[in-house]
């Protein structure tokens, strides 16, 4: 089972959906429960459901958490570093220096990650 957001007439609805195979072996889905319109559902309505599901699987505490969205501008420095890395030619120099070895991993990507983490 999983949750699905269905869109009908410009509105979004939260549903609990189950996948199963019919008699001919084809995968089908059926709606087990409708929770209502997504814009009208509050945390107070969903938290008891989440807590009940947690108790059913043996978890004593609420595992729901607030979703935090970070702005994409924060990661612009990584893209700038990656562009600078290529413009300077460090990527080709490392690939050239390590071409004689028989590694199956991308060593240049690992070195780049270590350098970027230090910066």
PDB file of N, CA and C in Angstrom:
ATOM      1  N   UNK A   1       0.840  -1.186   0.000  1.00  0.00           N
ATOM      2  CA  UNK A   1       0.000   0.000   0.000  1.00  0.00           C
ATOM      3  C   UNK A   1       0.878   1.240   0.000  1.00  0.00           C
ATOM      4  N   UNK A   2       0.341   2.278  -0.566  1.00  0.00           N
ATOM      5  CA  UNK A   2       1.049   3.542  -0.641  1.00  0.00           C
ATOM      6  C   UNK A   2       0.021   4.667  -0.746  1.00  0.00           C
ATOM      7  N   UNK A   3       0.507   5.885  -0.552  1.00  0.00           N
ATOM      8  CA  UNK A   3      -0.381   7.033  -0.697  1.00  0.00           C
ATOM      9  C   UNK A   3      -0.224   7.605  -2.099  1.00  0.00           C
ATOM     10  N   UNK A   4      -1.303   8.177  -2.589  1.00  0.00           N
ATOM     11  CA  UNK A   4      -1.297   8.761  -3.919  1.00  0.00           C
ATOM     12  C   UNK A   4      -2.087  10.058  -3.876  1.00  0.00           C
ATOM     13  N   UNK A   5      -1.619  11.024  -4.622  1.00  0.00           N
ATOM     14  CA  UNK A   5      -2.355  12.279  -4.775  1.00  0.00           C
ATOM     15  C   UNK A   5      -2.981  12.259  -6.162  1.00  0.00           C
ATOM     16  N   UNK A   6      -4.287  12.220  -6.200  1.00  0.00           N
ATOM     17  CA  UNK A   6      -4.990  12.216  -7.487  1.00  0.00           C
ATOM     18  C   UNK A   6      -5.506  13.620  -7.767  1.00  0.00           C
ATOM     19  N   UNK A   7      -5.537  13.977  -9.036  1.00  0.00           N
ATOM     20  CA  UNK A   7      -5.986  15.305  -9.445  1.00  0.00           C
ATOM     21  C   UNK A   7      -7.268  15.167 -10.249  1.00  0.00           C
ATOM     22  N   UNK A   8      -8.285  15.886  -9.817  1.00  0.00           N
ATOM     23  CA  UNK A   8      -9.564  15.866 -10.505  1.00  0.00           C
ATOM     24  C   UNK A   8     -10.134  17.275 -10.508  1.00  0.00           C
ATOM     25  N   UNK A   9     -10.377  17.792 -11.684  1.00  0.00           N
ATOM     26  CA  UNK A   9     -11.006  19.108 -11.794  1.00  0.00           C
ATOM     27  C   UNK A   9     -10.247  20.218 -11.114  1.00  0.00           C
ATOM     28  N   UNK A  10      -8.927  20.179 -11.140  1.00  0.00           N
ATOM     29  CA  UNK A  10      -8.132  21.224 -10.511  1.00  0.00           C
ATOM     30  C   UNK A  10      -7.935  21.046  -9.017  1.00  0.00           C
ATOM     31  N   UNK A  11      -8.518  20.023  -8.443  1.00  0.00           N
ATOM     32  CA  UNK A  11      -8.355  19.738  -7.010  1.00  0.00           C
ATOM     33  C   UNK A  11      -7.504  18.492  -6.835  1.00  0.00           C
ATOM     34  N   UNK A  12      -6.825  18.405  -5.694  1.00  0.00           N
ATOM     35  CA  UNK A  12      -5.982  17.261  -5.389  1.00  0.00           C
ATOM     36  C   UNK A  12      -6.551  16.532  -4.182  1.00  0.00           C
ATOM     37  N   UNK A  13      -6.563  15.199  -4.266  1.00  0.00           N
ATOM     38  CA  UNK A  13      -7.101  14.358  -3.206  1.00  0.00           C
ATOM     39  C   UNK A  13      -6.040  13.374  -2.738  1.00  0.00           C
ATOM     40  N   UNK A  14      -5.989  13.140  -1.433  1.00  0.00           N
ATOM     41  CA  UNK A  14      -5.064  12.179  -0.854  1.00  0.00           C
ATOM     42  C   UNK A  14      -5.767  10.839  -0.706  1.00  0.00           C
ATOM     43  N   UNK A  15      -5.142   9.777  -1.244  1.00  0.00           N
ATOM     44  CA  UNK A  15      -5.747   8.449  -1.221  1.00  0.00           C
ATOM     45  C   UNK A  15      -4.751   7.414  -0.735  1.00  0.00           C
ATOM     46  N   UNK A  16      -5.250   6.371  -0.093  1.00  0.00           N
ATOM     47  CA  UNK A  16      -4.466   5.193   0.247  1.00  0.00           C
ATOM     48  C   UNK A  16      -4.798   4.146  -0.811  1.00  0.00           C
ATOM     49  N   UNK A  17      -3.771   3.669  -1.518  1.00  0.00           N
ATOM     50  CA  UNK A  17      -3.968   2.813  -2.684  1.00  0.00           C
ATOM     51  C   UNK A  17      -3.246   1.487  -2.469  1.00  0.00           C
ATOM     52  N   UNK A  18      -3.847   0.425  -2.994  1.00  0.00           N
ATOM     53  CA  UNK A  18      -3.273  -0.917  -2.901  1.00  0.00           C
ATOM     54  C   UNK A  18      -3.040  -1.457  -4.306  1.00  0.00           C
ATOM     55  N   UNK A  19      -1.885  -2.077  -4.533  1.00  0.00           N
ATOM     56  CA  UNK A  19      -1.605  -2.731  -5.809  1.00  0.00           C
ATOM     57  C   UNK A  19      -1.847  -4.223  -5.660  1.00  0.00           C
ATOM     58  N   UNK A  20      -2.376  -4.842  -6.714  1.00  0.00           N
ATOM     59  CA  UNK A  20      -2.613  -6.288  -6.696  1.00  0.00           C
ATOM     60  C   UNK A  20      -2.589  -6.795  -8.128  1.00  0.00           C
ATOM     61  N   UNK A  21      -2.530  -8.102  -8.276  1.00  0.00           N
ATOM     62  CA  UNK A  21      -2.597  -8.731  -9.595  1.00  0.00           C
ATOM     63  C   UNK A  21      -3.973  -9.369  -9.753  1.00  0.00           C
ATOM     64  N   UNK A  22      -4.601  -9.128 -10.907  1.00  0.00           N
ATOM     65  CA  UNK A  22      -5.911  -9.729 -11.145  1.00  0.00           C
ATOM     66  C   UNK A  22      -5.751 -11.180 -11.614  1.00  0.00           C
ATOM     67  N   UNK A  23      -6.831 -11.808 -11.976  1.00  0.00           N
ATOM     68  CA  UNK A  23      -6.799 -13.225 -12.356  1.00  0.00           C
ATOM     69  C   UNK A  23      -5.925 -13.496 -13.582  1.00  0.00           C
ATOM     70  N   UNK A  24      -5.807 -12.528 -14.475  1.00  0.00           N
ATOM     71  CA  UNK A  24      -4.973 -12.723 -15.661  1.00  0.00           C
ATOM     72  C   UNK A  24      -3.517 -12.331 -15.429  1.00  0.00           C
ATOM     73  N   UNK A  25      -3.178 -11.897 -14.209  1.00  0.00           N
ATOM     74  CA  UNK A  25      -1.797 -11.572 -13.863  1.00  0.00           C
ATOM     75  C   UNK A  25      -1.390 -10.134 -14.101  1.00  0.00           C
ATOM     76  N   UNK A  26      -2.322  -9.286 -14.509  1.00  0.00           N
ATOM     77  CA  UNK A  26      -2.008  -7.880 -14.743  1.00  0.00           C
ATOM     78  C   UNK A  26      -2.057  -7.103 -13.432  1.00  0.00           C
ATOM     79  N   UNK A  27      -1.144  -6.131 -13.300  1.00  0.00           N
ATOM     80  CA  UNK A  27      -1.090  -5.307 -12.097  1.00  0.00           C
ATOM     81  C   UNK A  27      -2.201  -4.273 -12.148  1.00  0.00           C
ATOM     82  N   UNK A  28      -2.966  -4.194 -11.084  1.00  0.00           N
ATOM     83  CA  UNK A  28      -4.062  -3.234 -10.960  1.00  0.00           C
ATOM     84  C   UNK A  28      -3.929  -2.520  -9.618  1.00  0.00           C
ATOM     85  N   UNK A  29      -4.609  -1.398  -9.500  1.00  0.00           N
ATOM     86  CA  UNK A  29      -4.646  -0.668  -8.233  1.00  0.00           C
ATOM     87  C   UNK A  29      -6.089  -0.438  -7.836  1.00  0.00           C
ATOM     88  N   UNK A  30      -6.304  -0.348  -6.536  1.00  0.00           N
ATOM     89  CA  UNK A  30      -7.630   0.010  -6.049  1.00  0.00           C
ATOM     90  C   UNK A  30      -7.463   0.942  -4.852  1.00  0.00           C
ATOM     91  N   UNK A  31      -8.383   1.877  -4.738  1.00  0.00           N
ATOM     92  CA  UNK A  31      -8.357   2.843  -3.650  1.00  0.00           C
ATOM     93  C   UNK A  31      -8.941   2.187  -2.411  1.00  0.00           C
ATOM     94  N   UNK A  32      -8.135   2.149  -1.341  1.00  0.00           N
ATOM     95  CA  UNK A  32      -8.576   1.562  -0.081  1.00  0.00           C
ATOM     96  C   UNK A  32      -9.282   2.611   0.766  1.00  0.00           C
ATOM     97  N   UNK A  33      -8.729   3.850   0.768  1.00  0.00           N
ATOM     98  CA  UNK A  33      -9.332   4.917   1.566  1.00  0.00           C
ATOM     99  C   UNK A  33      -9.084   6.263   0.904  1.00  0.00           C
ATOM    100  N   UNK A  34     -10.072   7.125   0.965  1.00  0.00           N
ATOM    101  CA  UNK A  34      -9.954   8.515   0.538  1.00  0.00           C
ATOM    102  C   UNK A  34      -9.850   9.373   1.787  1.00  0.00           C
ATOM    103  N   UNK A  35      -8.813  10.211   1.856  1.00  0.00           N
ATOM    104  CA  UNK A  35      -8.639  11.070   3.020  1.00  0.00           C
ATOM    105  C   UNK A  35      -9.180  12.469   2.789  1.00  0.00           C
ATOM    106  N   UNK A  36      -9.614  12.772   1.578  1.00  0.00           N
ATOM    107  CA  UNK A  36     -10.215  14.069   1.304  1.00  0.00           C
ATOM    108  C   UNK A  36      -9.315  14.962   0.484  1.00  0.00           C
ATOM    109  N   UNK A  37      -9.766  16.201   0.352  1.00  0.00           N
ATOM    110  CA  UNK A  37      -9.012  17.174  -0.434  1.00  0.00           C
ATOM    111  C   UNK A  37      -7.728  17.542   0.274  1.00  0.00           C
ATOM    112  N   UNK A  38      -6.661  17.603  -0.487  1.00  0.00           N
ATOM    113  CA  UNK A  38      -5.343  17.866   0.070  1.00  0.00           C
ATOM    114  C   UNK A  38      -5.244  19.237   0.707  1.00  0.00           C
ATOM    115  N   UNK A  39      -5.922  20.227   0.135  1.00  0.00           N
ATOM    116  CA  UNK A  39      -5.849  21.578   0.687  1.00  0.00           C
ATOM    117  C   UNK A  39      -6.664  21.740   1.968  1.00  0.00           C
ATOM    118  N   UNK A  40      -7.510  20.777   2.295  1.00  0.00           N
ATOM    119  CA  UNK A  40      -8.336  20.860   3.508  1.00  0.00           C
ATOM    120  C   UNK A  40      -7.851  19.935   4.628  1.00  0.00           C
ATOM    121  N   UNK A  41      -6.876  19.094   4.363  1.00  0.00           N
ATOM    122  CA  UNK A  41      -6.365  18.173   5.387  1.00  0.00           C
ATOM    123  C   UNK A  41      -5.371  18.921   6.260  1.00  0.00           C
ATOM    124  N   UNK A  42      -5.520  18.781   7.571  1.00  0.00           N
ATOM    125  CA  UNK A  42      -4.620  19.436   8.522  1.00  0.00           C
ATOM    126  C   UNK A  42      -3.751  18.397   9.219  1.00  0.00           C
ATOM    127  N   UNK A  43      -2.691  18.888   9.870  1.00  0.00           N
ATOM    128  CA  UNK A  43      -1.821  17.995  10.641  1.00  0.00           C
ATOM    129  C   UNK A  43      -2.595  17.303  11.759  1.00  0.00           C
ATOM    130  N   UNK A  44      -3.559  18.005  12.335  1.00  0.00           N
ATOM    131  CA  UNK A  44      -4.335  17.431  13.433  1.00  0.00           C
ATOM    132  C   UNK A  44      -5.160  16.235  12.974  1.00  0.00           C
ATOM    133  N   UNK A  45      -5.520  16.194  11.705  1.00  0.00           N
ATOM    134  CA  UNK A  45      -6.286  15.068  11.185  1.00  0.00           C
ATOM    135  C   UNK A  45      -5.388  13.883  10.824  1.00  0.00           C
ATOM    136  N   UNK A  46      -4.192  14.163  10.338  1.00  0.00           N
ATOM    137  CA  UNK A  46      -3.309  13.082   9.896  1.00  0.00           C
ATOM    138  C   UNK A  46      -2.443  12.505  11.011  1.00  0.00           C
ATOM    139  N   UNK A  47      -2.089  13.294  12.014  1.00  0.00           N
ATOM    140  CA  UNK A  47      -1.220  12.800  13.084  1.00  0.00           C
ATOM    141  C   UNK A  47      -1.791  11.585  13.817  1.00  0.00           C
ATOM    142  N   UNK A  48      -3.084  11.535  14.171  1.00  0.00           N
ATOM    143  CA  UNK A  48      -3.593  10.316  14.813  1.00  0.00           C
ATOM    144  C   UNK A  48      -3.490   9.085  13.910  1.00  0.00           C
ATOM    145  N   UNK A  49      -3.674   9.274  12.616  1.00  0.00           N
ATOM    146  CA  UNK A  49      -3.532   8.159  11.684  1.00  0.00           C
ATOM    147  C   UNK A  49      -2.085   7.668  11.629  1.00  0.00           C
ATOM    148  N   UNK A  50      -1.146   8.604  11.563  1.00  0.00           N
ATOM    149  CA  UNK A  50       0.273   8.243  11.541  1.00  0.00           C
ATOM    150  C   UNK A  50       0.667   7.554  12.837  1.00  0.00           C
ATOM    151  N   UNK A  51       0.199   8.074  13.967  1.00  0.00           N
ATOM    152  CA  UNK A  51       0.506   7.451  15.261  1.00  0.00           C
ATOM    153  C   UNK A  51      -0.077   6.044  15.347  1.00  0.00           C
ATOM    154  N   UNK A  52      -1.282   5.850  14.840  1.00  0.00           N
ATOM    155  CA  UNK A  52      -1.895   4.523  14.854  1.00  0.00           C
ATOM    156  C   UNK A  52      -1.136   3.529  13.988  1.00  0.00           C
ATOM    157  N   UNK A  53      -0.688   3.969  12.826  1.00  0.00           N
ATOM    158  CA  UNK A  53       0.118   3.096  11.972  1.00  0.00           C
ATOM    159  C   UNK A  53       1.456   2.765  12.618  1.00  0.00           C
ATOM    160  N   UNK A  54       2.066   3.741  13.304  1.00  0.00           N
ATOM    161  CA  UNK A  54       3.317   3.476  14.011  1.00  0.00           C
ATOM    162  C   UNK A  54       3.118   2.442  15.109  1.00  0.00           C
ATOM    163  N   UNK A  55       2.020   2.554  15.860  1.00  0.00           N
ATOM    164  CA  UNK A  55       1.740   1.562  16.908  1.00  0.00           C
ATOM    165  C   UNK A  55       1.511   0.178  16.311  1.00  0.00           C
ATOM    166  N   UNK A  56       0.884   0.120  15.138  1.00  0.00           N
ATOM    167  CA  UNK A  56       0.599  -1.163  14.502  1.00  0.00           C
ATOM    168  C   UNK A  56       1.873  -1.891  14.091  1.00  0.00           C
ATOM    169  N   UNK A  57       2.921  -1.152  13.750  1.00  0.00           N
ATOM    170  CA  UNK A  57       4.182  -1.781  13.359  1.00  0.00           C
ATOM    171  C   UNK A  57       5.190  -1.828  14.501  1.00  0.00           C
ATOM    172  N   UNK A  58       4.778  -1.407  15.694  1.00  0.00           N
ATOM    173  CA  UNK A  58       5.632  -1.541  16.866  1.00  0.00           C
ATOM    174  C   UNK A  58       6.503  -0.344  17.184  1.00  0.00           C
ATOM    175  N   UNK A  59       6.241   0.780  16.584  1.00  0.00           N
ATOM    176  CA  UNK A  59       7.002   1.988  16.915  1.00  0.00           C
ATOM    177  C   UNK A  59       6.239   2.762  17.982  1.00  0.00           C
ATOM    178  N   UNK A  60       6.955   3.167  19.003  1.00  0.00           N
ATOM    179  CA  UNK A  60       6.294   3.833  20.119  1.00  0.00           C
ATOM    180  C   UNK A  60       6.164   5.337  19.925  1.00  0.00           C
ATOM    181  N   UNK A  61       6.962   5.912  19.057  1.00  0.00           N
ATOM    182  CA  UNK A  61       6.945   7.369  18.910  1.00  0.00           C
ATOM    183  C   UNK A  61       6.472   7.775  17.512  1.00  0.00           C
ATOM    184  N   UNK A  62       6.098   9.020  17.406  1.00  0.00           N
ATOM    185  CA  UNK A  62       5.627   9.576  16.145  1.00  0.00           C
ATOM    186  C   UNK A  62       6.831   9.829  15.241  1.00  0.00           C
ATOM    187  N   UNK A  63       6.825   9.259  14.050  1.00  0.00           N
ATOM    188  CA  UNK A  63       7.946   9.437  13.126  1.00  0.00           C
ATOM    189  C   UNK A  63       7.689  10.534  12.107  1.00  0.00           C
ATOM    190  N   UNK A  64       6.551  11.191  12.204  1.00  0.00           N
ATOM    191  CA  UNK A  64       6.294  12.277  11.259  1.00  0.00           C
ATOM    192  C   UNK A  64       7.190  13.454  11.601  1.00  0.00           C
ATOM    193  N   UNK A  65       7.595  14.176  10.590  1.00  0.00           N
ATOM    194  CA  UNK A  65       8.451  15.335  10.804  1.00  0.00           C
ATOM    195  C   UNK A  65       8.053  16.433   9.839  1.00  0.00           C
ATOM    196  N   UNK A  66       8.426  17.620  10.183  1.00  0.00           N
ATOM    197  CA  UNK A  66       8.127  18.775   9.355  1.00  0.00           C
ATOM    198  C   UNK A  66       9.006  18.738   8.108  1.00  0.00           C
ATOM    199  N   UNK A  67       8.428  18.985   6.963  1.00  0.00           N
ATOM    200  CA  UNK A  67       9.184  19.028   5.718  1.00  0.00           C
ATOM    201  C   UNK A  67       9.788  20.415   5.591  1.00  0.00           C
ATOM    202  N   UNK A  68      11.107  20.449   5.443  1.00  0.00           N
ATOM    203  CA  UNK A  68      11.802  21.725   5.329  1.00  0.00           C
ATOM    204  C   UNK A  68      12.349  21.835   3.920  1.00  0.00           C
ATOM    205  N   UNK A  69      11.961  22.878   3.227  1.00  0.00           N
ATOM    206  CA  UNK A  69      12.433  23.102   1.873  1.00  0.00           C
ATOM    207  C   UNK A  69      13.494  24.181   1.903  1.00  0.00           C
ATOM    208  N   UNK A  70      14.688  23.829   1.423  1.00  0.00           N
ATOM    209  CA  UNK A  70      15.772  24.793   1.378  1.00  0.00           C
ATOM    210  C   UNK A  70      15.828  25.411  -0.017  1.00  0.00           C
ATOM    211  N   UNK A  71      16.160  26.678  -0.087  1.00  0.00           N
ATOM    212  CA  UNK A  71      16.231  27.304  -1.406  1.00  0.00           C
ATOM    213  C   UNK A  71      17.375  26.728  -2.233  1.00  0.00           C
ATOM    214  N   UNK A  72      17.179  26.657  -3.529  1.00  0.00           N
ATOM    215  CA  UNK A  72      18.177  26.100  -4.420  1.00  0.00           C
ATOM    216  C   UNK A  72      19.416  26.962  -4.564  1.00  0.00           C
ATOM    217  N   UNK A  73      19.334  28.233  -4.210  1.00  0.00           N
ATOM    218  CA  UNK A  73      20.491  29.114  -4.335  1.00  0.00           C
ATOM    219  C   UNK A  73      21.628  28.689  -3.421  1.00  0.00           C
ATOM    220  N   UNK A  74      21.327  27.977  -2.371  1.00  0.00           N
ATOM    221  CA  UNK A  74      22.347  27.552  -1.426  1.00  0.00           C
ATOM    222  C   UNK A  74      23.337  26.606  -2.098  1.00  0.00           C
ATOM    223  N   UNK A  75      22.909  25.876  -3.104  1.00  0.00           N
ATOM    224  CA  UNK A  75      23.759  24.900  -3.747  1.00  0.00           C
ATOM    225  C   UNK A  75      24.442  25.463  -4.995  1.00  0.00           C
ATOM    226  N   UNK A  76      24.308  26.749  -5.238  1.00  0.00           N
ATOM    227  CA  UNK A  76      24.949  27.366  -6.390  1.00  0.00           C
ATOM    228  C   UNK A  76      26.453  27.346  -6.315  1.00  0.00           C
ATOM    229  N   UNK A  77      27.000  27.376  -5.091  1.00  0.00           N
ATOM    230  CA  UNK A  77      28.447  27.361  -4.951  1.00  0.00           C
ATOM    231  C   UNK A  77      29.051  26.054  -5.444  1.00  0.00           C
ATOM    232  N   UNK A  78      28.343  24.946  -5.271  1.00  0.00           N
ATOM    233  CA  UNK A  78      28.838  23.660  -5.750  1.00  0.00           C
ATOM    234  C   UNK A  78      28.917  23.659  -7.273  1.00  0.00           C
ATOM    235  N   UNK A  79      27.914  24.225  -7.921  1.00  0.00           N
ATOM    236  CA  UNK A  79      27.939  24.293  -9.380  1.00  0.00           C
ATOM    237  C   UNK A  79      29.061  25.207  -9.864  1.00  0.00           C
ATOM    238  N   UNK A  80      29.288  26.308  -9.154  1.00  0.00           N
ATOM    239  CA  UNK A  80      30.386  27.215  -9.519  1.00  0.00           C
ATOM    240  C   UNK A  80      31.738  26.516  -9.344  1.00  0.00           C
ATOM    241  N   UNK A  81      31.902  25.772  -8.256  1.00  0.00           N
ATOM    242  CA  UNK A  81      33.144  25.030  -8.042  1.00  0.00           C
ATOM    243  C   UNK A  81      33.358  23.972  -9.116  1.00  0.00           C
ATOM    244  N   UNK A  82      32.276  23.297  -9.497  1.00  0.00           N
ATOM    245  CA  UNK A  82      32.376  22.266 -10.532  1.00  0.00           C
ATOM    246  C   UNK A  82      32.805  22.874 -11.867  1.00  0.00           C
ATOM    247  N   UNK A  83      32.248  24.032 -12.203  1.00  0.00           N
ATOM    248  CA  UNK A  83      32.618  24.719 -13.449  1.00  0.00           C
ATOM    249  C   UNK A  83      34.076  25.158 -13.399  1.00  0.00           C
ATOM    250  N   UNK A  84      34.505  25.707 -12.277  1.00  0.00           N
ATOM    251  CA  UNK A  84      35.886  26.124 -12.106  1.00  0.00           C
ATOM    252  C   UNK A  84      36.831  24.932 -12.184  1.00  0.00           C
ATOM    253  N   UNK A  85      36.431  23.821 -11.581  1.00  0.00           N
ATOM    254  CA  UNK A  85      37.208  22.570 -11.604  1.00  0.00           C
ATOM    255  C   UNK A  85      37.476  22.152 -13.054  1.00  0.00           C
ATOM    256  N   UNK A  86      36.461  22.230 -13.884  1.00  0.00           N
ATOM    257  CA  UNK A  86      36.614  21.839 -15.292  1.00  0.00           C
ATOM    258  C   UNK A  86      37.387  22.884 -16.096  1.00  0.00           C
ATOM    259  N   UNK A  87      37.129  24.172 -15.829  1.00  0.00           N
ATOM    260  CA  UNK A  87      37.813  25.232 -16.579  1.00  0.00           C
ATOM    261  C   UNK A  87      39.318  25.206 -16.334  1.00  0.00           C
ATOM    262  N   UNK A  88      39.706  24.935 -15.104  1.00  0.00           N
ATOM    263  CA  UNK A  88      41.129  24.860 -14.783  1.00  0.00           C
ATOM    264  C   UNK A  88      41.763  23.615 -15.406  1.00  0.00           C
ATOM    265  N   UNK A  89      40.967  22.572 -15.569  1.00  0.00           N
ATOM    266  CA  UNK A  89      41.468  21.349 -16.183  1.00  0.00           C
ATOM    267  C   UNK A  89      41.905  20.292 -15.198  1.00  0.00           C
ATOM    268  N   UNK A  90      41.479  20.437 -13.964  1.00  0.00           N
ATOM    269  CA  UNK A  90      41.870  19.455 -12.950  1.00  0.00           C
ATOM    270  C   UNK A  90      41.272  18.092 -13.260  1.00  0.00           C
ATOM    271  N   UNK A  91      40.062  18.066 -13.799  1.00  0.00           N
ATOM    272  CA  UNK A  91      39.421  16.783 -14.105  1.00  0.00           C
ATOM    273  C   UNK A  91      40.213  15.994 -15.146  1.00  0.00           C
ATOM    274  N   UNK A  92      40.646  16.658 -16.206  1.00  0.00           N
ATOM    275  CA  UNK A  92      41.411  15.940 -17.236  1.00  0.00           C
ATOM    276  C   UNK A  92      42.797  15.564 -16.740  1.00  0.00           C
ATOM    277  N   UNK A  93      43.412  16.414 -15.919  1.00  0.00           N
ATOM    278  CA  UNK A  93      44.738  16.097 -15.378  1.00  0.00           C
ATOM    279  C   UNK A  93      44.677  14.862 -14.489  1.00  0.00           C
ATOM    280  N   UNK A  94      43.649  14.774 -13.647  1.00  0.00           N
ATOM    281  CA  UNK A  94      43.522  13.604 -12.773  1.00  0.00           C
ATOM    282  C   UNK A  94      43.224  12.343 -13.581  1.00  0.00           C
ATOM    283  N   UNK A  95      42.372  12.466 -14.575  1.00  0.00           N
ATOM    284  CA  UNK A  95      42.075  11.299 -15.421  1.00  0.00           C
ATOM    285  C   UNK A  95      43.311  10.839 -16.168  1.00  0.00           C
ATOM    286  N   UNK A  96      44.107  11.787 -16.639  1.00  0.00           N
ATOM    287  CA  UNK A  96      45.336  11.443 -17.346  1.00  0.00           C
ATOM    288  C   UNK A  96      46.341  10.790 -16.390  1.00  0.00           C
ATOM    289  N   UNK A  97      46.428  11.302 -15.178  1.00  0.00           N
ATOM    290  CA  UNK A  97      47.385  10.756 -14.209  1.00  0.00           C
ATOM    291  C   UNK A  97      46.989   9.360 -13.745  1.00  0.00           C
ATOM    292  N   UNK A  98      45.722   9.048 -13.759  1.00  0.00           N
ATOM    293  CA  UNK A  98      45.262   7.758 -13.248  1.00  0.00           C
ATOM    294  C   UNK A  98      44.841   6.792 -14.348  1.00  0.00           C
ATOM    295  N   UNK A  99      45.112   7.109 -15.594  1.00  0.00           N
ATOM    296  CA  UNK A  99      44.658   6.238 -16.674  1.00  0.00           C
ATOM    297  C   UNK A  99      45.413   4.920 -16.741  1.00  0.00           C
ATOM    298  N   UNK A 100      46.638   4.872 -16.201  1.00  0.00           N
ATOM    299  CA  UNK A 100      47.405   3.634 -16.260  1.00  0.00           C
ATOM    300  C   UNK A 100      46.936   2.604 -15.245  1.00  0.00           C
ATOM    301  N   UNK A 101      46.220   3.046 -14.230  1.00  0.00           N
ATOM    302  CA  UNK A 101      45.743   2.097 -13.225  1.00  0.00           C
ATOM    303  C   UNK A 101      44.471   1.409 -13.704  1.00  0.00           C
ATOM    304  N   UNK A 102      44.170   0.288 -13.121  1.00  0.00           N
ATOM    305  CA  UNK A 102      42.991  -0.485 -13.526  1.00  0.00           C
ATOM    306  C   UNK A 102      41.884  -0.375 -12.483  1.00  0.00           C
ATOM    307  N   UNK A 103      41.531   0.846 -12.156  1.00  0.00           N
ATOM    308  CA  UNK A 103      40.463   1.079 -11.183  1.00  0.00           C
ATOM    309  C   UNK A 103      39.126   0.974 -11.875  1.00  0.00           C
ATOM    310  N   UNK A 104      38.142   0.466 -11.155  1.00  0.00           N
ATOM    311  CA  UNK A 104      36.791   0.420 -11.689  1.00  0.00           C
ATOM    312  C   UNK A 104      35.923   1.529 -11.105  1.00  0.00           C
ATOM    313  N   UNK A 105      36.517   2.366 -10.254  1.00  0.00           N
ATOM    314  CA  UNK A 105      35.779   3.480  -9.662  1.00  0.00           C
ATOM    315  C   UNK A 105      36.228   4.776 -10.328  1.00  0.00           C
ATOM    316  N   UNK A 106      35.418   5.786 -10.210  1.00  0.00           N
ATOM    317  CA  UNK A 106      35.751   7.097 -10.763  1.00  0.00           C
ATOM    318  C   UNK A 106      36.543   7.870  -9.710  1.00  0.00           C
ATOM    319  N   UNK A 107      37.871   7.735  -9.756  1.00  0.00           N
ATOM    320  CA  UNK A 107      38.728   8.358  -8.751  1.00  0.00           C
ATOM    321  C   UNK A 107      38.659   9.877  -8.829  1.00  0.00           C
ATOM    322  N   UNK A 108      38.504  10.421 -10.028  1.00  0.00           N
ATOM    323  CA  UNK A 108      38.425  11.869 -10.172  1.00  0.00           C
ATOM    324  C   UNK A 108      37.210  12.420  -9.436  1.00  0.00           C
ATOM    325  N   UNK A 109      36.090  11.723  -9.501  1.00  0.00           N
ATOM    326  CA  UNK A 109      34.881  12.168  -8.800  1.00  0.00           C
ATOM    327  C   UNK A 109      35.080  12.102  -7.286  1.00  0.00           C
ATOM    328  N   UNK A 110      35.786  11.092  -6.811  1.00  0.00           N
ATOM    329  CA  UNK A 110      36.038  10.987  -5.369  1.00  0.00           C
ATOM    330  C   UNK A 110      36.955  12.099  -4.890  1.00  0.00           C
ATOM    331  N   UNK A 111      38.015  12.403  -5.647  1.00  0.00           N
ATOM    332  CA  UNK A 111      38.916  13.497  -5.276  1.00  0.00           C
ATOM    333  C   UNK A 111      38.168  14.820  -5.308  1.00  0.00           C
ATOM    334  N   UNK A 112      37.336  15.015  -6.339  1.00  0.00           N
ATOM    335  CA  UNK A 112      36.546  16.248  -6.447  1.00  0.00           C
ATOM    336  C   UNK A 112      35.625  16.408  -5.242  1.00  0.00           C
ATOM    337  N   UNK A 113      34.982  15.329  -4.820  1.00  0.00           N
ATOM    338  CA  UNK A 113      34.088  15.396  -3.655  1.00  0.00           C
ATOM    339  C   UNK A 113      34.864  15.754  -2.393  1.00  0.00           C
ATOM    340  N   UNK A 114      36.036  15.165  -2.221  1.00  0.00           N
ATOM    341  CA  UNK A 114      36.845  15.485  -1.036  1.00  0.00           C
ATOM    342  C   UNK A 114      37.294  16.938  -1.030  1.00  0.00           C
ATOM    343  N   UNK A 115      37.704  17.439  -2.179  1.00  0.00           N
ATOM    344  CA  UNK A 115      38.146  18.842  -2.268  1.00  0.00           C
ATOM    345  C   UNK A 115      36.979  19.782  -2.009  1.00  0.00           C
ATOM    346  N   UNK A 116      35.831  19.512  -2.625  1.00  0.00           N
ATOM    347  CA  UNK A 116      34.667  20.374  -2.434  1.00  0.00           C
ATOM    348  C   UNK A 116      34.209  20.373  -0.978  1.00  0.00           C
ATOM    349  N   UNK A 117      34.284  19.231  -0.310  1.00  0.00           N
ATOM    350  CA  UNK A 117      33.890  19.174   1.096  1.00  0.00           C
ATOM    351  C   UNK A 117      34.818  19.998   1.972  1.00  0.00           C
ATOM    352  N   UNK A 118      36.085  20.063   1.609  1.00  0.00           N
ATOM    353  CA  UNK A 118      37.035  20.875   2.372  1.00  0.00           C
ATOM    354  C   UNK A 118      36.782  22.369   2.164  1.00  0.00           C
ATOM    355  N   UNK A 119      36.295  22.714   0.979  1.00  0.00           N
ATOM    356  CA  UNK A 119      36.044  24.131   0.693  1.00  0.00           C
ATOM    357  C   UNK A 119      34.773  24.587   1.392  1.00  0.00           C
TER     358      UNK A 119
END
